[in-house]
Amino acid sequence: MNLYYFASPSTFYHLAGRLAPWFFALAALLAAAGLYYGFVVAPTDAQQGEVYRIIFIHVPAAWMSMFLYFVMACYGAMALSYNTRLAAMMARAIAPTGAMFTFVALWTGAFWGRPTWGAYWVWDARITSELVLLFLYFGFIALANAFEDPRRGDRAAALLAIIGLVNLPIIYFSVKWWNTLHQGSSVNFQGTTMHKAMFSAMMLMTFAFWMYAIGASLVRARAIILERERRTQWVRAL
């Protein structure tokens, strides 16, 4: 298979149109299963009671906020290194979904923090670094659209995304580097201490968010391609 074939915006446009509905369908099925496991099957937490169930939205959203930023920065690096149009378009397409998941992680974290810590917001190291991540997403989107020439916007936004990568290990290791209110990770490479049903619900929701992110990025990439390529013959023929 010639992978460079799919680097053409015209080819990718049609491929994304065929794939996006499948990813949305998978996201819906996985989310339904995850919510069922999280709110029906999973037992009540011995310490936090029922309020802990917000983690089935909060934690997957936080994971996706970091993962999507990493992928966005990788596309930005590809666009800078190889001057590929599609990579820059994909970076732009991912940014709004990444910002949305970052906002959801902060918002659900605030509702979790009120009964747990007694406050909706504290300037905790992990929470603050996650807020910085949201500002990085906003900065990327603003820079990408700040130039009349979209290629200049692509380069400026890509540089910001690459520089912002330094924030990801700060988010992840903040609970180890500093004495924070935020609890440590219940899931890591050594395994998990969570109940089986809780872990299943969290992973189902994580994959649901992942499938949604792919589908949303593909749809948004198609819109960006149409805008960028509107003067080409193949777009006029649609």
C-alpha atoms as a PDB file:
ATOM      1  CA  MET A   1       0.000   0.000   0.000  1.00  0.00           C
ATOM      2  CA  ASN A   2       1.331   3.424  -0.968  1.00  0.00           C
ATOM      3  CA  LEU A   3       0.743   5.512   2.166  1.00  0.00           C
ATOM      4  CA  TYR A   4       1.766   8.689   0.351  1.00  0.00           C
ATOM      5  CA  TYR A   5      -1.341   8.230  -1.755  1.00  0.00           C
ATOM      6  CA  PHE A   6      -3.471   9.229   1.236  1.00  0.00           C
ATOM      7  CA  ALA A   7      -1.345  12.345   1.873  1.00  0.00           C
ATOM      8  CA  SER A   8      -3.156  14.020  -1.007  1.00  0.00           C
ATOM      9  CA  PRO A   9      -5.974  16.260   0.323  1.00  0.00           C
ATOM     10  CA  SER A  10      -8.326  15.136  -2.443  1.00  0.00           C
ATOM     11  CA  THR A  11      -7.783  11.451  -1.644  1.00  0.00           C
ATOM     12  CA  PHE A  12      -7.953  11.967   2.110  1.00  0.00           C
ATOM     13  CA  TYR A  13     -11.162  13.997   1.763  1.00  0.00           C
ATOM     14  CA  HIS A  14     -13.066  11.047   0.306  1.00  0.00           C
ATOM     15  CA  LEU A  15     -11.458   8.540   2.709  1.00  0.00           C
ATOM     16  CA  ALA A  16     -12.375  10.686   5.732  1.00  0.00           C
ATOM     17  CA  GLY A  17     -15.958  10.948   4.503  1.00  0.00           C
ATOM     18  CA  ARG A  18     -16.278   7.164   4.439  1.00  0.00           C
ATOM     19  CA  LEU A  19     -14.586   6.565   7.797  1.00  0.00           C
ATOM     20  CA  ALA A  20     -16.080   9.312   9.981  1.00  0.00           C
ATOM     21  CA  PRO A  21     -19.591   7.768  10.376  1.00  0.00           C
ATOM     22  CA  TRP A  22     -18.063   4.471  11.511  1.00  0.00           C
ATOM     23  CA  PHE A  23     -16.004   6.186  14.199  1.00  0.00           C
ATOM     24  CA  PHE A  24     -19.061   8.095  15.438  1.00  0.00           C
ATOM     25  CA  ALA A  25     -21.057   4.856  15.568  1.00  0.00           C
ATOM     26  CA  LEU A  26     -18.285   3.129  17.534  1.00  0.00           C
ATOM     27  CA  ALA A  27     -18.118   6.105  19.891  1.00  0.00           C
ATOM     28  CA  ALA A  28     -21.856   5.903  20.575  1.00  0.00           C
ATOM     29  CA  LEU A  29     -21.771   2.155  21.251  1.00  0.00           C
ATOM     30  CA  LEU A  30     -18.714   2.345  23.494  1.00  0.00           C
ATOM     31  CA  ALA A  31     -20.118   5.343  25.394  1.00  0.00           C
ATOM     32  CA  ALA A  32     -23.413   3.525  26.005  1.00  0.00           C
ATOM     33  CA  ALA A  33     -21.556   0.498  27.343  1.00  0.00           C
ATOM     34  CA  GLY A  34     -19.213   2.659  29.415  1.00  0.00           C
ATOM     35  CA  LEU A  35     -22.030   4.643  30.996  1.00  0.00           C
ATOM     36  CA  TYR A  36     -23.909   1.444  31.793  1.00  0.00           C
ATOM     37  CA  TYR A  37     -20.879  -0.086  33.485  1.00  0.00           C
ATOM     38  CA  GLY A  38     -20.008   3.160  35.238  1.00  0.00           C
ATOM     39  CA  PHE A  39     -23.446   4.096  36.573  1.00  0.00           C
ATOM     40  CA  VAL A  40     -25.142   0.689  36.929  1.00  0.00           C
ATOM     41  CA  VAL A  41     -22.593  -2.124  37.252  1.00  0.00           C
ATOM     42  CA  ALA A  42     -19.732  -0.412  39.102  1.00  0.00           C
ATOM     43  CA  PRO A  43     -20.122  -0.512  42.909  1.00  0.00           C
ATOM     44  CA  THR A  44     -20.286   2.525  45.177  1.00  0.00           C
ATOM     45  CA  ASP A  45     -16.889   3.754  46.331  1.00  0.00           C
ATOM     46  CA  ALA A  46     -16.241   3.095  50.014  1.00  0.00           C
ATOM     47  CA  GLN A  47     -14.732   6.564  50.658  1.00  0.00           C
ATOM     48  CA  GLN A  48     -16.325   8.950  48.145  1.00  0.00           C
ATOM     49  CA  GLY A  49     -19.725   7.339  47.756  1.00  0.00           C
ATOM     50  CA  GLU A  50     -21.631   7.965  44.530  1.00  0.00           C
ATOM     51  CA  VAL A  51     -19.849  11.201  43.653  1.00  0.00           C
ATOM     52  CA  TYR A  52     -16.797   9.280  42.464  1.00  0.00           C
ATOM     53  CA  ARG A  53     -18.686   8.216  39.312  1.00  0.00           C
ATOM     54  CA  ILE A  54     -17.761  11.502  37.673  1.00  0.00           C
ATOM     55  CA  ILE A  55     -14.321   9.961  37.091  1.00  0.00           C
ATOM     56  CA  PHE A  56     -15.817   7.975  34.209  1.00  0.00           C
ATOM     57  CA  ILE A  57     -16.085  11.293  32.352  1.00  0.00           C
ATOM     58  CA  HIS A  58     -13.308  13.257  34.038  1.00  0.00           C
ATOM     59  CA  VAL A  59     -10.392  10.852  33.721  1.00  0.00           C
ATOM     60  CA  PRO A  60     -10.931   9.796  30.065  1.00  0.00           C
ATOM     61  CA  ALA A  61     -11.386  13.478  29.125  1.00  0.00           C
ATOM     62  CA  ALA A  62      -8.127  14.385  30.885  1.00  0.00           C
ATOM     63  CA  TRP A  63      -6.283  11.539  29.149  1.00  0.00           C
ATOM     64  CA  MET A  64      -7.636  12.591  25.765  1.00  0.00           C
ATOM     65  CA  SER A  65      -6.731  16.243  26.377  1.00  0.00           C
ATOM     66  CA  MET A  66      -3.058  15.278  26.709  1.00  0.00           C
ATOM     67  CA  PHE A  67      -3.062  12.591  24.028  1.00  0.00           C
ATOM     68  CA  LEU A  68      -4.682  14.840  21.417  1.00  0.00           C
ATOM     69  CA  TYR A  69      -2.236  17.635  22.168  1.00  0.00           C
ATOM     70  CA  PHE A  70       0.649  15.222  21.583  1.00  0.00           C
ATOM     71  CA  VAL A  71      -0.858  14.062  18.278  1.00  0.00           C
ATOM     72  CA  MET A  72      -1.542  17.670  17.251  1.00  0.00           C
ATOM     73  CA  ALA A  73       2.071  18.621  17.994  1.00  0.00           C
ATOM     74  CA  CYS A  74       3.322  15.612  16.001  1.00  0.00           C
ATOM     75  CA  TYR A  75       1.269  16.717  12.998  1.00  0.00           C
ATOM     76  CA  GLY A  76       2.662  20.219  13.464  1.00  0.00           C
ATOM     77  CA  ALA A  77       6.207  18.866  13.502  1.00  0.00           C
ATOM     78  CA  MET A  78       5.497  16.887  10.318  1.00  0.00           C
ATOM     79  CA  ALA A  79       4.124  20.010   8.661  1.00  0.00           C
ATOM     80  CA  LEU A  80       7.262  21.959   9.587  1.00  0.00           C
ATOM     81  CA  SER A  81       9.700  19.210   8.666  1.00  0.00           C
ATOM     82  CA  TYR A  82       8.182  17.981   5.408  1.00  0.00           C
ATOM     83  CA  ASN A  83       6.039  20.982   4.421  1.00  0.00           C
ATOM     84  CA  THR A  84       3.012  18.718   4.056  1.00  0.00           C
ATOM     85  CA  ARG A  85      -0.311  20.473   3.669  1.00  0.00           C
ATOM     86  CA  LEU A  86      -2.418  17.640   5.049  1.00  0.00           C
ATOM     87  CA  ALA A  87      -0.412  17.394   8.277  1.00  0.00           C
ATOM     88  CA  ALA A  88      -1.022  21.084   8.982  1.00  0.00           C
ATOM     89  CA  MET A  89      -4.720  20.647   8.237  1.00  0.00           C
ATOM     90  CA  MET A  90      -4.944  17.691  10.607  1.00  0.00           C
ATOM     91  CA  ALA A  91      -3.266  19.677  13.379  1.00  0.00           C
ATOM     92  CA  ARG A  92      -5.878  22.402  12.921  1.00  0.00           C
ATOM     93  CA  ALA A  93      -8.652  19.804  12.853  1.00  0.00           C
ATOM     94  CA  ILE A  94      -7.594  18.193  16.140  1.00  0.00           C
ATOM     95  CA  ALA A  95      -7.183  21.418  18.150  1.00  0.00           C
ATOM     96  CA  PRO A  96     -10.880  22.234  18.846  1.00  0.00           C
ATOM     97  CA  THR A  97     -11.643  18.679  19.995  1.00  0.00           C
ATOM     98  CA  GLY A  98      -8.576  18.684  22.236  1.00  0.00           C
ATOM     99  CA  ALA A  99      -9.645  22.015  23.727  1.00  0.00           C
ATOM    100  CA  MET A 100     -13.138  20.634  24.311  1.00  0.00           C
ATOM    101  CA  PHE A 101     -11.831  17.598  26.205  1.00  0.00           C
ATOM    102  CA  THR A 102      -9.530  19.832  28.263  1.00  0.00           C
ATOM    103  CA  PHE A 103     -12.493  22.025  29.219  1.00  0.00           C
ATOM    104  CA  VAL A 104     -14.573  18.948  30.106  1.00  0.00           C
ATOM    105  CA  ALA A 105     -11.738  17.632  32.290  1.00  0.00           C
ATOM    106  CA  LEU A 106     -11.511  20.961  34.154  1.00  0.00           C
ATOM    107  CA  TRP A 107     -15.278  21.343  34.431  1.00  0.00           C
ATOM    108  CA  THR A 108     -15.936  17.826  35.740  1.00  0.00           C
ATOM    109  CA  GLY A 109     -12.918  18.142  38.011  1.00  0.00           C
ATOM    110  CA  ALA A 110     -14.486  21.227  39.576  1.00  0.00           C
ATOM    111  CA  PHE A 111     -17.721  19.345  40.309  1.00  0.00           C
ATOM    112  CA  TRP A 112     -15.695  16.470  41.740  1.00  0.00           C
ATOM    113  CA  GLY A 113     -13.560  18.820  43.825  1.00  0.00           C
ATOM    114  CA  ARG A 114     -16.466  20.567  45.566  1.00  0.00           C
ATOM    115  CA  PRO A 115     -17.619  17.577  47.659  1.00  0.00           C
ATOM    116  CA  THR A 116     -14.103  16.092  47.871  1.00  0.00           C
ATOM    117  CA  TRP A 117     -11.953  19.139  48.716  1.00  0.00           C
ATOM    118  CA  GLY A 118     -14.655  21.627  49.694  1.00  0.00           C
ATOM    119  CA  ALA A 119     -13.922  23.948  46.756  1.00  0.00           C
ATOM    120  CA  TYR A 120     -14.638  24.009  43.037  1.00  0.00           C
ATOM    121  CA  TRP A 121     -11.163  25.298  42.261  1.00  0.00           C
ATOM    122  CA  VAL A 122      -7.761  25.242  43.949  1.00  0.00           C
ATOM    123  CA  TRP A 123      -4.439  26.271  42.454  1.00  0.00           C
ATOM    124  CA  ASP A 124      -3.200  22.709  42.564  1.00  0.00           C
ATOM    125  CA  ALA A 125      -0.199  21.811  40.368  1.00  0.00           C
ATOM    126  CA  ARG A 126      -2.078  19.335  38.185  1.00  0.00           C
ATOM    127  CA  ILE A 127      -5.198  21.488  37.836  1.00  0.00           C
ATOM    128  CA  THR A 128      -3.142  24.580  37.006  1.00  0.00           C
ATOM    129  CA  SER A 129      -1.021  22.768  34.420  1.00  0.00           C
ATOM    130  CA  GLU A 130      -4.224  21.386  32.851  1.00  0.00           C
ATOM    131  CA  LEU A 131      -5.525  24.970  32.644  1.00  0.00           C
ATOM    132  CA  VAL A 132      -2.269  25.932  30.919  1.00  0.00           C
ATOM    133  CA  LEU A 133      -2.981  23.145  28.428  1.00  0.00           C
ATOM    134  CA  LEU A 134      -6.360  24.727  27.646  1.00  0.00           C
ATOM    135  CA  PHE A 135      -4.636  28.071  27.030  1.00  0.00           C
ATOM    136  CA  LEU A 136      -2.143  26.326  24.732  1.00  0.00           C
ATOM    137  CA  TYR A 137      -5.017  24.937  22.687  1.00  0.00           C
ATOM    138  CA  PHE A 138      -6.596  28.392  22.520  1.00  0.00           C
ATOM    139  CA  GLY A 139      -3.246  29.896  21.540  1.00  0.00           C
ATOM    140  CA  PHE A 140      -2.794  27.316  18.788  1.00  0.00           C
ATOM    141  CA  ILE A 141      -6.246  28.031  17.350  1.00  0.00           C
ATOM    142  CA  ALA A 142      -5.720  31.799  17.570  1.00  0.00           C
ATOM    143  CA  LEU A 143      -2.277  31.694  15.930  1.00  0.00           C
ATOM    144  CA  ALA A 144      -3.447  29.379  13.169  1.00  0.00           C
ATOM    145  CA  ASN A 145      -6.137  31.902  12.218  1.00  0.00           C
ATOM    146  CA  ALA A 146      -4.174  35.109  12.877  1.00  0.00           C
ATOM    147  CA  PHE A 147      -2.494  35.318   9.460  1.00  0.00           C
ATOM    148  CA  GLU A 148      -3.982  36.077   6.097  1.00  0.00           C
ATOM    149  CA  ASP A 149      -1.691  33.449   4.599  1.00  0.00           C
ATOM    150  CA  PRO A 150      -2.844  30.118   6.128  1.00  0.00           C
ATOM    151  CA  ARG A 151       0.608  28.526   5.631  1.00  0.00           C
ATOM    152  CA  ARG A 152       2.178  31.166   7.875  1.00  0.00           C
ATOM    153  CA  GLY A 153      -0.500  30.455  10.448  1.00  0.00           C
ATOM    154  CA  ASP A 154       0.260  26.738  10.178  1.00  0.00           C
ATOM    155  CA  ARG A 155       3.954  27.305  10.894  1.00  0.00           C
ATOM    156  CA  ALA A 156       3.387  29.672  13.822  1.00  0.00           C
ATOM    157  CA  ALA A 157       0.819  27.387  15.427  1.00  0.00           C
ATOM    158  CA  ALA A 158       3.024  24.328  14.904  1.00  0.00           C
ATOM    159  CA  LEU A 159       5.933  26.009  16.706  1.00  0.00           C
ATOM    160  CA  LEU A 160       3.675  26.853  19.651  1.00  0.00           C
ATOM    161  CA  ALA A 161       2.364  23.273  19.770  1.00  0.00           C
ATOM    162  CA  ILE A 162       5.887  21.822  19.826  1.00  0.00           C
ATOM    163  CA  ILE A 163       7.031  24.222  22.559  1.00  0.00           C
ATOM    164  CA  GLY A 164       3.905  23.411  24.566  1.00  0.00           C
ATOM    165  CA  LEU A 165       4.831  19.730  24.706  1.00  0.00           C
ATOM    166  CA  VAL A 166       6.906  20.529  27.779  1.00  0.00           C
ATOM    167  CA  ASN A 167       3.635  20.952  29.697  1.00  0.00           C
ATOM    168  CA  LEU A 168       2.537  17.323  29.209  1.00  0.00           C
ATOM    169  CA  PRO A 169       5.089  15.709  31.564  1.00  0.00           C
ATOM    170  CA  ILE A 170       4.359  18.485  34.068  1.00  0.00           C
ATOM    171  CA  ILE A 171       0.676  17.481  34.062  1.00  0.00           C
ATOM    172  CA  TYR A 172       1.450  13.780  34.358  1.00  0.00           C
ATOM    173  CA  PHE A 173       4.184  13.941  37.016  1.00  0.00           C
ATOM    174  CA  SER A 174       2.829  16.894  38.994  1.00  0.00           C
ATOM    175  CA  VAL A 175       1.331  14.646  41.681  1.00  0.00           C
ATOM    176  CA  LYS A 176       4.766  13.052  42.168  1.00  0.00           C
ATOM    177  CA  TRP A 177       6.901  16.183  41.954  1.00  0.00           C
ATOM    178  CA  TRP A 178       4.800  18.330  44.302  1.00  0.00           C
ATOM    179  CA  ASN A 179       2.608  17.815  47.340  1.00  0.00           C
ATOM    180  CA  THR A 180      -0.774  18.265  45.652  1.00  0.00           C
ATOM    181  CA  LEU A 181      -4.406  17.796  46.619  1.00  0.00           C
ATOM    182  CA  HIS A 182      -5.074  15.874  43.430  1.00  0.00           C
ATOM    183  CA  GLN A 183      -4.909  12.137  43.961  1.00  0.00           C
ATOM    184  CA  GLY A 184      -2.345  10.003  42.176  1.00  0.00           C
ATOM    185  CA  SER A 185      -3.051   7.796  39.197  1.00  0.00           C
ATOM    186  CA  SER A 186      -5.123   4.690  39.830  1.00  0.00           C
ATOM    187  CA  VAL A 187      -4.083   3.258  36.460  1.00  0.00           C
ATOM    188  CA  ASN A 188      -0.446   2.964  35.370  1.00  0.00           C
ATOM    189  CA  PHE A 189       1.909   0.631  33.532  1.00  0.00           C
ATOM    190  CA  GLN A 190       2.157  -1.626  36.586  1.00  0.00           C
ATOM    191  CA  GLY A 191      -1.589  -2.251  36.624  1.00  0.00           C
ATOM    192  CA  THR A 192      -4.533  -0.812  38.532  1.00  0.00           C
ATOM    193  CA  THR A 193      -5.969  -0.893  42.018  1.00  0.00           C
ATOM    194  CA  MET A 194      -9.499  -0.220  40.761  1.00  0.00           C
ATOM    195  CA  HIS A 195     -12.428  -2.610  40.912  1.00  0.00           C
ATOM    196  CA  LYS A 196     -12.811  -4.572  37.681  1.00  0.00           C
ATOM    197  CA  ALA A 197     -16.147  -2.947  36.794  1.00  0.00           C
ATOM    198  CA  MET A 198     -14.773   0.541  37.497  1.00  0.00           C
ATOM    199  CA  PHE A 199     -11.730  -0.098  35.325  1.00  0.00           C
ATOM    200  CA  SER A 200     -13.890  -1.526  32.525  1.00  0.00           C
ATOM    201  CA  ALA A 201     -16.152   1.522  32.583  1.00  0.00           C
ATOM    202  CA  MET A 202     -13.209   3.906  32.479  1.00  0.00           C
ATOM    203  CA  MET A 203     -11.553   2.127  29.563  1.00  0.00           C
ATOM    204  CA  LEU A 204     -14.822   1.912  27.619  1.00  0.00           C
ATOM    205  CA  MET A 205     -15.338   5.653  28.031  1.00  0.00           C
ATOM    206  CA  THR A 206     -11.724   6.303  27.061  1.00  0.00           C
ATOM    207  CA  PHE A 207     -12.119   4.394  23.801  1.00  0.00           C
ATOM    208  CA  ALA A 208     -15.470   6.105  23.201  1.00  0.00           C
ATOM    209  CA  PHE A 209     -13.828   9.517  23.537  1.00  0.00           C
ATOM    210  CA  TRP A 210     -10.992   8.355  21.297  1.00  0.00           C
ATOM    211  CA  MET A 211     -13.368   7.216  18.558  1.00  0.00           C
ATOM    212  CA  TYR A 212     -15.308  10.472  18.837  1.00  0.00           C
ATOM    213  CA  ALA A 213     -12.097  12.491  18.586  1.00  0.00           C
ATOM    214  CA  ILE A 214     -11.107  10.676  15.399  1.00  0.00           C
ATOM    215  CA  GLY A 215     -14.533  11.116  13.840  1.00  0.00           C
ATOM    216  CA  ALA A 216     -14.748  14.808  14.772  1.00  0.00           C
ATOM    217  CA  SER A 217     -11.229  15.459  13.487  1.00  0.00           C
ATOM    218  CA  LEU A 218     -11.987  13.757  10.186  1.00  0.00           C
ATOM    219  CA  VAL A 219     -15.154  15.822   9.687  1.00  0.00           C
ATOM    220  CA  ARG A 220     -13.327  19.023  10.564  1.00  0.00           C
ATOM    221  CA  ALA A 221     -10.403  18.092   8.296  1.00  0.00           C
ATOM    222  CA  ARG A 222     -12.835  17.701   5.394  1.00  0.00           C
ATOM    223  CA  ALA A 223     -14.144  21.221   6.026  1.00  0.00           C
ATOM    224  CA  ILE A 224     -10.609  22.625   6.163  1.00  0.00           C
ATOM    225  CA  ILE A 225      -9.668  20.815   2.939  1.00  0.00           C
ATOM    226  CA  LEU A 226     -12.688  22.253   1.139  1.00  0.00           C
ATOM    227  CA  GLU A 227     -11.782  25.744   2.329  1.00  0.00           C
ATOM    228  CA  ARG A 228      -8.104  25.440   1.378  1.00  0.00           C
ATOM    229  CA  GLU A 229      -8.695  23.691  -1.932  1.00  0.00           C
ATOM    230  CA  ARG A 230     -11.807  25.590  -3.024  1.00  0.00           C
ATOM    231  CA  ARG A 231     -10.089  26.927  -6.146  1.00  0.00           C
ATOM    232  CA  THR A 232      -8.947  23.503  -7.351  1.00  0.00           C
ATOM    233  CA  GLN A 233     -10.745  21.621 -10.069  1.00  0.00           C
ATOM    234  CA  TRP A 234     -11.607  18.566  -7.978  1.00  0.00           C
ATOM    235  CA  VAL A 235     -13.432  20.693  -5.354  1.00  0.00           C
ATOM    236  CA  ARG A 236     -15.377  22.548  -8.025  1.00  0.00           C
ATOM    237  CA  ALA A 237     -16.419  19.187  -9.450  1.00  0.00           C
ATOM    238  CA  LEU A 238     -17.990  18.042  -6.162  1.00  0.00           C
END
